[in-house]
Amino acid sequence: MKSFRQLSLSTREEIAGWLFASPWIFGFLVFILGPMIWSLFMSFTDYNLFTWKWVGLANYERMFMLDDLVPKAFIVTTKYALMSVPLHVVCGFLLALLLNQKVKGLGIWRTIFYFPSVLSGVAVIILWILILNPQFGLINSMLRGIGIQGPNWLGSPDWALTSLVIMSLWGVGGSMLIYLAGLQGIPTELYEAAEVDGANSLQKLWFITIPMMSPIIFFNLVIGLIAALQTFDTAFIATNGGPAWSTYFYMLHLFTVAFEELRMGYASALAWVLFIYIFVLTLLVFRFGSAWVFYEDTFRREKRPKNT
């Protein structure tokens, strides 16, 4: 048997690569893939942490036929995603454009706008509950100052979901940082050539910045959609699904079934349906993303002259 030093360089590099990757592989198998397979099996059982019984498709039949809260939770979650994700994409991109300018104290401004995204979620939610308080909250106090009676933000079925969307914008600094990195990677030669051709700022934004940033916009869109469809802590702490089920997210229903009612088998079925829902929506985004996402290397391959 050859010693490690007697092996070829490529073989040693391959072994070293597998050794470096082994902690992640172990973690993936034990903490991600293993629990996923176990939850798939449990979704076909009546499991309550103490006993289990095979029930086949009964959990899925109950979900679609008997549980009225499932479609309600799906509708609320989807509405939230449709409202919050575009706002995150647009606001993060606009902030990155502003913070990509050459202004005094730019590093300080970037830190100020990014810092909220690293704060603890629970503390931020409690802060927003105080800000949105209808009696002494900051927003309603400012509205009263200009003669407008503010709504009962978290206590009104008409405003509660909108309030959670506004609260979610607090963490827009994370996507802003990604946009900022992408903006700084756009070649300056493109802007210089556009200026020579007489392009104004709006034309440079539309014909250069946005196409060059489309892969990053697409990335943040997909990540934001997946995160929005798994929203839990905001609704759990701020409204607990109310008022009148207006903020009853799917993950909140899953949590209630799993950890309050201890119906782990049914909760596993709920989790797998959510996984399939997110997977299908992500595939649709990828399908339609090819029509507007610009990849520079693809463009170069298409424009490369053919050999004669």
C-alpha atoms as a PDB file:
ATOM      1  CA  MET A   1       0.000   0.000   0.000  1.00  0.00           C
ATOM      2  CA  LYS A   2       1.414   3.352  -1.032  1.00  0.00           C
ATOM      3  CA  SER A   3       2.027   6.037   1.555  1.00  0.00           C
ATOM      4  CA  PHE A   4       0.402   9.426   1.150  1.00  0.00           C
ATOM      5  CA  ARG A   5       3.624  11.020  -0.137  1.00  0.00           C
ATOM      6  CA  GLN A   6       4.021   8.339  -2.819  1.00  0.00           C
ATOM      7  CA  LEU A   7       0.657   9.187  -4.377  1.00  0.00           C
ATOM      8  CA  SER A   8       0.462  11.472  -7.395  1.00  0.00           C
ATOM      9  CA  LEU A   9      -0.101  15.189  -6.877  1.00  0.00           C
ATOM     10  CA  SER A  10      -3.605  15.085  -8.334  1.00  0.00           C
ATOM     11  CA  THR A  11      -4.583  12.191  -6.061  1.00  0.00           C
ATOM     12  CA  ARG A  12      -3.236  13.954  -2.978  1.00  0.00           C
ATOM     13  CA  GLU A  13      -5.102  17.123  -3.926  1.00  0.00           C
ATOM     14  CA  GLU A  14      -8.309  15.141  -4.392  1.00  0.00           C
ATOM     15  CA  ILE A  15      -7.914  13.461  -0.989  1.00  0.00           C
ATOM     16  CA  ALA A  16      -7.175  16.810   0.655  1.00  0.00           C
ATOM     17  CA  GLY A  17     -10.238  18.314  -1.009  1.00  0.00           C
ATOM     18  CA  TRP A  18     -12.489  15.554   0.312  1.00  0.00           C
ATOM     19  CA  LEU A  19     -10.985  15.902   3.788  1.00  0.00           C
ATOM     20  CA  PHE A  20     -11.623  19.655   3.828  1.00  0.00           C
ATOM     21  CA  ALA A  21     -15.176  19.119   2.566  1.00  0.00           C
ATOM     22  CA  SER A  22     -15.903  16.249   4.954  1.00  0.00           C
ATOM     23  CA  PRO A  23     -17.199  18.416   7.865  1.00  0.00           C
ATOM     24  CA  TRP A  24     -19.774  19.997   5.555  1.00  0.00           C
ATOM     25  CA  ILE A  25     -20.686  16.638   4.027  1.00  0.00           C
ATOM     26  CA  PHE A  26     -21.121  15.137   7.489  1.00  0.00           C
ATOM     27  CA  GLY A  27     -23.239  18.080   8.617  1.00  0.00           C
ATOM     28  CA  PHE A  28     -25.375  17.893   5.475  1.00  0.00           C
ATOM     29  CA  LEU A  29     -26.021  14.159   5.856  1.00  0.00           C
ATOM     30  CA  VAL A  30     -26.727  14.284   9.599  1.00  0.00           C
ATOM     31  CA  PHE A  31     -28.513  17.620  10.020  1.00  0.00           C
ATOM     32  CA  ILE A  32     -30.192  18.224   6.625  1.00  0.00           C
ATOM     33  CA  LEU A  33     -30.617  15.180   4.388  1.00  0.00           C
ATOM     34  CA  GLY A  34     -31.188  12.748   7.253  1.00  0.00           C
ATOM     35  CA  PRO A  35     -33.942  14.822   8.930  1.00  0.00           C
ATOM     36  CA  MET A  36     -35.554  15.446   5.522  1.00  0.00           C
ATOM     37  CA  ILE A  37     -35.807  11.714   4.805  1.00  0.00           C
ATOM     38  CA  TRP A  38     -37.085  11.089   8.328  1.00  0.00           C
ATOM     39  CA  SER A  39     -39.725  13.821   8.037  1.00  0.00           C
ATOM     40  CA  LEU A  40     -40.851  12.407   4.683  1.00  0.00           C
ATOM     41  CA  PHE A  41     -41.405   9.043   6.348  1.00  0.00           C
ATOM     42  CA  MET A  42     -43.151  10.673   9.306  1.00  0.00           C
ATOM     43  CA  SER A  43     -45.514  12.534   6.968  1.00  0.00           C
ATOM     44  CA  PHE A  44     -47.188   9.184   6.273  1.00  0.00           C
ATOM     45  CA  THR A  45     -47.658   8.415   9.978  1.00  0.00           C
ATOM     46  CA  ASP A  46     -49.647   9.613  12.950  1.00  0.00           C
ATOM     47  CA  TYR A  47     -46.660  10.597  15.105  1.00  0.00           C
ATOM     48  CA  ASN A  48     -46.922  12.544  18.384  1.00  0.00           C
ATOM     49  CA  LEU A  49     -43.375  12.168  19.837  1.00  0.00           C
ATOM     50  CA  PHE A  50     -44.430   9.139  21.896  1.00  0.00           C
ATOM     51  CA  THR A  51     -46.226   6.794  19.512  1.00  0.00           C
ATOM     52  CA  TRP A  52     -46.599   6.477  15.795  1.00  0.00           C
ATOM     53  CA  LYS A  53     -48.929   4.648  13.437  1.00  0.00           C
ATOM     54  CA  TRP A  54     -48.751   4.315   9.661  1.00  0.00           C
ATOM     55  CA  VAL A  55     -51.663   6.192   8.061  1.00  0.00           C
ATOM     56  CA  GLY A  56     -50.537   6.466   4.439  1.00  0.00           C
ATOM     57  CA  LEU A  57     -51.888   9.552   2.656  1.00  0.00           C
ATOM     58  CA  ALA A  58     -54.318  10.434   5.453  1.00  0.00           C
ATOM     59  CA  ASN A  59     -52.298  13.500   6.517  1.00  0.00           C
ATOM     60  CA  TYR A  60     -52.290  14.876   2.979  1.00  0.00           C
ATOM     61  CA  GLU A  61     -56.001  14.157   2.558  1.00  0.00           C
ATOM     62  CA  ARG A  62     -56.727  15.972   5.798  1.00  0.00           C
ATOM     63  CA  MET A  63     -54.605  18.900   4.673  1.00  0.00           C
ATOM     64  CA  PHE A  64     -56.458  19.459   1.411  1.00  0.00           C
ATOM     65  CA  MET A  65     -59.924  18.265   2.390  1.00  0.00           C
ATOM     66  CA  LEU A  66     -60.501  19.045   6.067  1.00  0.00           C
ATOM     67  CA  ASP A  67     -58.047  21.701   7.305  1.00  0.00           C
ATOM     68  CA  ASP A  68     -59.567  25.079   6.412  1.00  0.00           C
ATOM     69  CA  LEU A  69     -56.535  26.916   7.798  1.00  0.00           C
ATOM     70  CA  VAL A  70     -54.167  25.531   5.150  1.00  0.00           C
ATOM     71  CA  PRO A  71     -55.579  27.463   2.153  1.00  0.00           C
ATOM     72  CA  LYS A  72     -55.955  30.533   4.349  1.00  0.00           C
ATOM     73  CA  ALA A  73     -52.317  30.296   5.426  1.00  0.00           C
ATOM     74  CA  PHE A  74     -51.192  29.744   1.829  1.00  0.00           C
ATOM     75  CA  ILE A  75     -53.070  32.858   0.661  1.00  0.00           C
ATOM     76  CA  VAL A  76     -51.676  35.041   3.460  1.00  0.00           C
ATOM     77  CA  THR A  77     -48.121  33.814   2.895  1.00  0.00           C
ATOM     78  CA  THR A  78     -48.311  34.293  -0.871  1.00  0.00           C
ATOM     79  CA  LYS A  79     -49.770  37.808  -0.502  1.00  0.00           C
ATOM     80  CA  TYR A  80     -46.977  38.701   1.875  1.00  0.00           C
ATOM     81  CA  ALA A  81     -44.348  37.393  -0.552  1.00  0.00           C
ATOM     82  CA  LEU A  82     -45.879  39.282  -3.494  1.00  0.00           C
ATOM     83  CA  MET A  83     -45.854  42.498  -1.469  1.00  0.00           C
ATOM     84  CA  SER A  84     -42.524  42.247   0.336  1.00  0.00           C
ATOM     85  CA  VAL A  85     -40.172  40.677  -2.223  1.00  0.00           C
ATOM     86  CA  PRO A  86     -40.555  43.365  -4.949  1.00  0.00           C
ATOM     87  CA  LEU A  87     -40.182  46.072  -2.297  1.00  0.00           C
ATOM     88  CA  HIS A  88     -36.989  44.467  -1.015  1.00  0.00           C
ATOM     89  CA  VAL A  89     -35.565  44.182  -4.523  1.00  0.00           C
ATOM     90  CA  VAL A  90     -36.372  47.790  -5.462  1.00  0.00           C
ATOM     91  CA  CYS A  91     -35.424  49.401  -2.145  1.00  0.00           C
ATOM     92  CA  GLY A  92     -32.178  47.452  -1.850  1.00  0.00           C
ATOM     93  CA  PHE A  93     -31.199  48.363  -5.410  1.00  0.00           C
ATOM     94  CA  LEU A  94     -32.027  52.071  -4.952  1.00  0.00           C
ATOM     95  CA  LEU A  95     -30.078  52.209  -1.684  1.00  0.00           C
ATOM     96  CA  ALA A  96     -27.099  50.592  -3.381  1.00  0.00           C
ATOM     97  CA  LEU A  97     -27.260  53.164  -6.190  1.00  0.00           C
ATOM     98  CA  LEU A  98     -27.259  55.994  -3.647  1.00  0.00           C
ATOM     99  CA  LEU A  99     -24.405  54.510  -1.646  1.00  0.00           C
ATOM    100  CA  ASN A 100     -22.342  53.904  -4.770  1.00  0.00           C
ATOM    101  CA  GLN A 101     -21.906  57.652  -5.295  1.00  0.00           C
ATOM    102  CA  LYS A 102     -18.787  59.562  -4.321  1.00  0.00           C
ATOM    103  CA  VAL A 103     -19.974  61.496  -1.289  1.00  0.00           C
ATOM    104  CA  LYS A 104     -18.361  62.527   1.972  1.00  0.00           C
ATOM    105  CA  GLY A 105     -18.594  59.988   4.795  1.00  0.00           C
ATOM    106  CA  LEU A 106     -19.662  57.205   2.446  1.00  0.00           C
ATOM    107  CA  GLY A 107     -18.338  54.439   4.725  1.00  0.00           C
ATOM    108  CA  ILE A 108     -20.390  55.738   7.644  1.00  0.00           C
ATOM    109  CA  TRP A 109     -23.582  55.868   5.570  1.00  0.00           C
ATOM    110  CA  ARG A 110     -23.026  52.330   4.320  1.00  0.00           C
ATOM    111  CA  THR A 111     -22.574  51.102   7.884  1.00  0.00           C
ATOM    112  CA  ILE A 112     -25.724  52.897   9.050  1.00  0.00           C
ATOM    113  CA  PHE A 113     -27.906  51.326   6.354  1.00  0.00           C
ATOM    114  CA  TYR A 114     -26.383  47.854   6.695  1.00  0.00           C
ATOM    115  CA  PHE A 115     -26.283  47.670  10.497  1.00  0.00           C
ATOM    116  CA  PRO A 116     -30.053  47.016  11.044  1.00  0.00           C
ATOM    117  CA  SER A 117     -29.864  43.783   9.025  1.00  0.00           C
ATOM    118  CA  VAL A 118     -27.513  42.176  11.579  1.00  0.00           C
ATOM    119  CA  LEU A 119     -29.600  42.981  14.664  1.00  0.00           C
ATOM    120  CA  SER A 120     -31.533  40.307  16.529  1.00  0.00           C
ATOM    121  CA  GLY A 121     -34.896  39.540  14.959  1.00  0.00           C
ATOM    122  CA  VAL A 122     -36.887  39.440  18.210  1.00  0.00           C
ATOM    123  CA  ALA A 123     -35.490  42.759  19.460  1.00  0.00           C
ATOM    124  CA  VAL A 124     -36.256  44.429  16.134  1.00  0.00           C
ATOM    125  CA  ILE A 125     -39.819  43.087  16.121  1.00  0.00           C
ATOM    126  CA  ILE A 126     -40.464  44.398  19.637  1.00  0.00           C
ATOM    127  CA  LEU A 127     -39.067  47.764  18.562  1.00  0.00           C
ATOM    128  CA  TRP A 128     -41.460  47.847  15.612  1.00  0.00           C
ATOM    129  CA  ILE A 129     -44.398  46.911  17.842  1.00  0.00           C
ATOM    130  CA  LEU A 130     -43.661  50.060  19.838  1.00  0.00           C
ATOM    131  CA  ILE A 131     -43.182  52.167  16.701  1.00  0.00           C
ATOM    132  CA  LEU A 132     -46.517  50.977  15.270  1.00  0.00           C
ATOM    133  CA  ASN A 133     -48.465  51.386  18.506  1.00  0.00           C
ATOM    134  CA  PRO A 134     -51.651  53.318  17.608  1.00  0.00           C
ATOM    135  CA  GLN A 135     -51.602  55.479  20.773  1.00  0.00           C
ATOM    136  CA  PHE A 136     -47.975  56.449  21.418  1.00  0.00           C
ATOM    137  CA  GLY A 137     -46.104  54.931  18.458  1.00  0.00           C
ATOM    138  CA  LEU A 138     -43.665  57.077  16.508  1.00  0.00           C
ATOM    139  CA  ILE A 139     -45.431  56.738  13.148  1.00  0.00           C
ATOM    140  CA  ASN A 140     -48.902  57.690  14.387  1.00  0.00           C
ATOM    141  CA  SER A 141     -47.436  60.528  16.466  1.00  0.00           C
ATOM    142  CA  MET A 142     -45.817  61.934  13.318  1.00  0.00           C
ATOM    143  CA  LEU A 143     -49.058  61.514  11.378  1.00  0.00           C
ATOM    144  CA  ARG A 144     -51.016  63.344  14.095  1.00  0.00           C
ATOM    145  CA  GLY A 145     -48.496  66.148  13.824  1.00  0.00           C
ATOM    146  CA  ILE A 146     -49.637  66.804  10.243  1.00  0.00           C
ATOM    147  CA  GLY A 147     -53.328  66.288  10.974  1.00  0.00           C
ATOM    148  CA  ILE A 148     -53.705  62.626   9.920  1.00  0.00           C
ATOM    149  CA  GLN A 149     -55.218  59.970  12.136  1.00  0.00           C
ATOM    150  CA  GLY A 150     -53.035  56.890  11.788  1.00  0.00           C
ATOM    151  CA  PRO A 151     -54.534  53.390  11.640  1.00  0.00           C
ATOM    152  CA  ASN A 152     -54.354  50.654  14.224  1.00  0.00           C
ATOM    153  CA  TRP A 153     -51.444  49.070  12.368  1.00  0.00           C
ATOM    154  CA  LEU A 154     -51.100  45.642  13.970  1.00  0.00           C
ATOM    155  CA  GLY A 155     -54.638  45.522  15.377  1.00  0.00           C
ATOM    156  CA  SER A 156     -56.551  46.014  12.132  1.00  0.00           C
ATOM    157  CA  PRO A 157     -57.178  43.148   9.667  1.00  0.00           C
ATOM    158  CA  ASP A 158     -56.802  45.664   6.832  1.00  0.00           C
ATOM    159  CA  TRP A 159     -53.393  46.948   7.964  1.00  0.00           C
ATOM    160  CA  ALA A 160     -51.740  44.091   9.850  1.00  0.00           C
ATOM    161  CA  LEU A 161     -50.194  42.356   6.825  1.00  0.00           C
ATOM    162  CA  THR A 162     -49.052  45.688   5.380  1.00  0.00           C
ATOM    163  CA  SER A 163     -47.446  46.473   8.734  1.00  0.00           C
ATOM    164  CA  LEU A 164     -45.437  43.243   8.604  1.00  0.00           C
ATOM    165  CA  VAL A 165     -44.281  44.124   5.085  1.00  0.00           C
ATOM    166  CA  ILE A 166     -43.095  47.519   6.333  1.00  0.00           C
ATOM    167  CA  MET A 167     -41.317  45.824   9.224  1.00  0.00           C
ATOM    168  CA  SER A 168     -39.513  43.484   6.833  1.00  0.00           C
ATOM    169  CA  LEU A 169     -37.866  46.444   5.077  1.00  0.00           C
ATOM    170  CA  TRP A 170     -35.763  46.939   8.195  1.00  0.00           C
ATOM    171  CA  GLY A 171     -33.409  44.205   6.942  1.00  0.00           C
ATOM    172  CA  VAL A 172     -33.020  45.493   3.394  1.00  0.00           C
ATOM    173  CA  GLY A 173     -29.370  46.319   4.110  1.00  0.00           C
ATOM    174  CA  GLY A 174     -28.330  42.718   3.462  1.00  0.00           C
ATOM    175  CA  SER A 175     -29.456  42.759  -0.162  1.00  0.00           C
ATOM    176  CA  MET A 176     -28.179  46.326  -0.504  1.00  0.00           C
ATOM    177  CA  LEU A 177     -24.656  45.123   0.277  1.00  0.00           C
ATOM    178  CA  ILE A 178     -24.860  42.478  -2.466  1.00  0.00           C
ATOM    179  CA  TYR A 179     -26.121  45.058  -4.959  1.00  0.00           C
ATOM    180  CA  LEU A 180     -23.325  47.409  -3.945  1.00  0.00           C
ATOM    181  CA  ALA A 181     -20.692  44.763  -4.647  1.00  0.00           C
ATOM    182  CA  GLY A 182     -22.247  44.154  -8.050  1.00  0.00           C
ATOM    183  CA  LEU A 183     -22.350  47.850  -8.926  1.00  0.00           C
ATOM    184  CA  GLN A 184     -18.665  48.214  -8.171  1.00  0.00           C
ATOM    185  CA  GLY A 185     -17.914  45.329 -10.532  1.00  0.00           C
ATOM    186  CA  ILE A 186     -19.446  46.991 -13.603  1.00  0.00           C
ATOM    187  CA  PRO A 187     -16.643  48.092 -15.970  1.00  0.00           C
ATOM    188  CA  THR A 188     -16.300  51.880 -16.071  1.00  0.00           C
ATOM    189  CA  GLU A 189     -15.493  51.639 -19.784  1.00  0.00           C
ATOM    190  CA  LEU A 190     -19.169  50.970 -20.491  1.00  0.00           C
ATOM    191  CA  TYR A 191     -20.235  54.246 -18.857  1.00  0.00           C
ATOM    192  CA  GLU A 192     -17.439  56.147 -20.589  1.00  0.00           C
ATOM    193  CA  ALA A 193     -18.499  54.803 -23.980  1.00  0.00           C
ATOM    194  CA  ALA A 194     -22.118  55.715 -23.250  1.00  0.00           C
ATOM    195  CA  GLU A 195     -21.118  59.266 -22.314  1.00  0.00           C
ATOM    196  CA  VAL A 196     -19.236  59.587 -25.594  1.00  0.00           C
ATOM    197  CA  ASP A 197     -22.443  58.561 -27.380  1.00  0.00           C
ATOM    198  CA  GLY A 198     -24.364  61.250 -25.466  1.00  0.00           C
ATOM    199  CA  ALA A 199     -26.284  59.022 -23.028  1.00  0.00           C
ATOM    200  CA  ASN A 200     -27.750  60.708 -19.951  1.00  0.00           C
ATOM    201  CA  SER A 201     -27.892  59.251 -16.426  1.00  0.00           C
ATOM    202  CA  LEU A 202     -31.274  57.605 -16.905  1.00  0.00           C
ATOM    203  CA  GLN A 203     -30.184  55.957 -20.155  1.00  0.00           C
ATOM    204  CA  LYS A 204     -27.001  54.654 -18.562  1.00  0.00           C
ATOM    205  CA  LEU A 205     -29.064  53.223 -15.710  1.00  0.00           C
ATOM    206  CA  TRP A 206     -31.550  51.507 -18.025  1.00  0.00           C
ATOM    207  CA  PHE A 207     -29.199  50.239 -20.736  1.00  0.00           C
ATOM    208  CA  ILE A 208     -26.036  49.508 -18.720  1.00  0.00           C
ATOM    209  CA  THR A 209     -26.555  49.294 -14.964  1.00  0.00           C
ATOM    210  CA  ILE A 210     -29.757  47.247 -14.850  1.00  0.00           C
ATOM    211  CA  PRO A 211     -28.718  44.689 -17.543  1.00  0.00           C
ATOM    212  CA  MET A 212     -25.312  44.225 -15.914  1.00  0.00           C
ATOM    213  CA  MET A 213     -26.952  43.883 -12.487  1.00  0.00           C
ATOM    214  CA  SER A 214     -29.713  41.510 -13.656  1.00  0.00           C
ATOM    215  CA  PRO A 215     -27.975  38.320 -12.362  1.00  0.00           C
ATOM    216  CA  ILE A 216     -27.677  39.879  -8.904  1.00  0.00           C
ATOM    217  CA  ILE A 217     -31.262  41.153  -9.035  1.00  0.00           C
ATOM    218  CA  PHE A 218     -32.318  37.626  -9.992  1.00  0.00           C
ATOM    219  CA  PHE A 219     -30.313  36.127  -7.113  1.00  0.00           C
ATOM    220  CA  ASN A 220     -31.875  38.463  -4.547  1.00  0.00           C
ATOM    221  CA  LEU A 221     -35.317  37.817  -6.041  1.00  0.00           C
ATOM    222  CA  VAL A 222     -34.998  34.044  -5.613  1.00  0.00           C
ATOM    223  CA  ILE A 223     -33.470  34.241  -2.128  1.00  0.00           C
ATOM    224  CA  GLY A 224     -36.050  36.825  -1.044  1.00  0.00           C
ATOM    225  CA  LEU A 225     -38.939  34.714  -2.354  1.00  0.00           C
ATOM    226  CA  ILE A 226     -37.747  31.601  -0.515  1.00  0.00           C
ATOM    227  CA  ALA A 227     -37.262  33.575   2.715  1.00  0.00           C
ATOM    228  CA  ALA A 228     -40.632  35.355   2.460  1.00  0.00           C
ATOM    229  CA  LEU A 229     -42.527  32.091   2.021  1.00  0.00           C
ATOM    230  CA  GLN A 230     -40.922  30.801   5.243  1.00  0.00           C
ATOM    231  CA  THR A 231     -41.696  33.875   7.346  1.00  0.00           C
ATOM    232  CA  PHE A 232     -42.529  32.964  10.928  1.00  0.00           C
ATOM    233  CA  ASP A 233     -41.001  35.033  13.728  1.00  0.00           C
ATOM    234  CA  THR A 234     -42.505  38.385  12.684  1.00  0.00           C
ATOM    235  CA  ALA A 235     -46.083  37.137  12.737  1.00  0.00           C
ATOM    236  CA  PHE A 236     -45.548  34.909  15.774  1.00  0.00           C
ATOM    237  CA  ILE A 237     -44.268  37.742  17.966  1.00  0.00           C
ATOM    238  CA  ALA A 238     -46.104  40.771  16.575  1.00  0.00           C
ATOM    239  CA  THR A 239     -49.605  39.418  15.866  1.00  0.00           C
ATOM    240  CA  ASN A 240     -49.670  35.648  16.542  1.00  0.00           C
ATOM    241  CA  GLY A 241     -51.600  35.237  13.306  1.00  0.00           C
ATOM    242  CA  GLY A 242     -54.268  37.837  14.052  1.00  0.00           C
ATOM    243  CA  PRO A 243     -56.306  39.858  13.878  1.00  0.00           C
ATOM    244  CA  ALA A 244     -58.980  37.715  12.189  1.00  0.00           C
ATOM    245  CA  TRP A 245     -56.321  35.382  10.705  1.00  0.00           C
ATOM    246  CA  SER A 246     -55.022  38.220   8.525  1.00  0.00           C
ATOM    247  CA  THR A 247     -51.366  37.379   9.332  1.00  0.00           C
ATOM    248  CA  TYR A 248     -51.719  33.629   9.806  1.00  0.00           C
ATOM    249  CA  PHE A 249     -48.662  32.493   7.868  1.00  0.00           C
ATOM    250  CA  TYR A 250     -48.143  28.921   6.730  1.00  0.00           C
ATOM    251  CA  MET A 251     -45.110  28.497   8.980  1.00  0.00           C
ATOM    252  CA  LEU A 252     -47.181  29.696  11.927  1.00  0.00           C
ATOM    253  CA  HIS A 253     -49.744  26.994  11.200  1.00  0.00           C
ATOM    254  CA  LEU A 254     -46.974  24.411  10.910  1.00  0.00           C
ATOM    255  CA  PHE A 255     -45.506  25.540  14.235  1.00  0.00           C
ATOM    256  CA  THR A 256     -48.896  25.363  15.944  1.00  0.00           C
ATOM    257  CA  VAL A 257     -49.574  21.851  14.675  1.00  0.00           C
ATOM    258  CA  ALA A 258     -46.095  20.591  15.549  1.00  0.00           C
ATOM    259  CA  PHE A 259     -45.231  22.175  18.889  1.00  0.00           C
ATOM    260  CA  GLU A 260     -48.588  23.054  20.430  1.00  0.00           C
ATOM    261  CA  GLU A 261     -50.716  20.139  19.250  1.00  0.00           C
ATOM    262  CA  LEU A 262     -47.744  17.702  18.988  1.00  0.00           C
ATOM    263  CA  ARG A 263     -49.032  16.251  15.705  1.00  0.00           C
ATOM    264  CA  MET A 264     -45.580  15.743  14.257  1.00  0.00           C
ATOM    265  CA  GLY A 265     -46.697  13.476  11.428  1.00  0.00           C
ATOM    266  CA  TYR A 266     -49.206  16.009  10.146  1.00  0.00           C
ATOM    267  CA  ALA A 267     -46.654  18.810  10.598  1.00  0.00           C
ATOM    268  CA  SER A 268     -44.156  16.845   8.495  1.00  0.00           C
ATOM    269  CA  ALA A 269     -46.751  16.618   5.722  1.00  0.00           C
ATOM    270  CA  LEU A 270     -47.312  20.366   5.977  1.00  0.00           C
ATOM    271  CA  ALA A 271     -43.564  20.949   5.707  1.00  0.00           C
ATOM    272  CA  TRP A 272     -43.243  18.820   2.574  1.00  0.00           C
ATOM    273  CA  VAL A 273     -46.133  20.573   0.863  1.00  0.00           C
ATOM    274  CA  LEU A 274     -44.472  23.906   1.605  1.00  0.00           C
ATOM    275  CA  PHE A 275     -41.202  22.550   0.216  1.00  0.00           C
ATOM    276  CA  ILE A 276     -42.935  21.502  -3.026  1.00  0.00           C
ATOM    277  CA  TYR A 277     -44.705  24.879  -3.253  1.00  0.00           C
ATOM    278  CA  ILE A 278     -41.439  26.797  -2.867  1.00  0.00           C
ATOM    279  CA  PHE A 279     -39.683  24.451  -5.289  1.00  0.00           C
ATOM    280  CA  VAL A 280     -42.338  24.955  -7.995  1.00  0.00           C
ATOM    281  CA  LEU A 281     -42.362  28.739  -7.584  1.00  0.00           C
ATOM    282  CA  THR A 282     -38.563  28.820  -7.734  1.00  0.00           C
ATOM    283  CA  LEU A 283     -38.609  26.787 -10.952  1.00  0.00           C
ATOM    284  CA  LEU A 284     -41.110  29.245 -12.446  1.00  0.00           C
ATOM    285  CA  VAL A 285     -38.878  32.169 -11.507  1.00  0.00           C
ATOM    286  CA  PHE A 286     -35.915  30.434 -13.146  1.00  0.00           C
ATOM    287  CA  ARG A 287     -38.026  29.675 -16.222  1.00  0.00           C
ATOM    288  CA  PHE A 288     -39.049  33.291 -16.772  1.00  0.00           C
ATOM    289  CA  GLY A 289     -35.749  34.702 -15.519  1.00  0.00           C
ATOM    290  CA  SER A 290     -33.944  33.567 -18.659  1.00  0.00           C
ATOM    291  CA  ALA A 291     -35.885  36.178 -20.629  1.00  0.00           C
ATOM    292  CA  TRP A 292     -34.464  39.184 -18.763  1.00  0.00           C
ATOM    293  CA  VAL A 293     -31.308  38.069 -16.955  1.00  0.00           C
ATOM    294  CA  PHE A 294     -28.156  39.087 -18.830  1.00  0.00           C
ATOM    295  CA  TYR A 295     -24.988  37.031 -18.462  1.00  0.00           C
ATOM    296  CA  GLU A 296     -21.886  38.616 -19.920  1.00  0.00           C
ATOM    297  CA  ASP A 297     -20.146  35.337 -20.772  1.00  0.00           C
ATOM    298  CA  THR A 298     -23.245  34.103 -22.633  1.00  0.00           C
ATOM    299  CA  PHE A 299     -23.359  37.340 -24.597  1.00  0.00           C
ATOM    300  CA  ARG A 300     -19.714  36.956 -25.552  1.00  0.00           C
ATOM    301  CA  ARG A 301     -20.238  33.369 -26.729  1.00  0.00           C
ATOM    302  CA  GLU A 302     -23.211  34.413 -28.868  1.00  0.00           C
ATOM    303  CA  LYS A 303     -21.289  37.298 -30.439  1.00  0.00           C
ATOM    304  CA  ARG A 304     -18.098  35.304 -31.065  1.00  0.00           C
ATOM    305  CA  PRO A 305     -17.535  35.015 -34.840  1.00  0.00           C
ATOM    306  CA  LYS A 306     -17.801  31.537 -36.286  1.00  0.00           C
ATOM    307  CA  ASN A 307     -14.754  29.888 -37.810  1.00  0.00           C
ATOM    308  CA  THR A 308     -14.789  29.875 -41.561  1.00  0.00           C
END
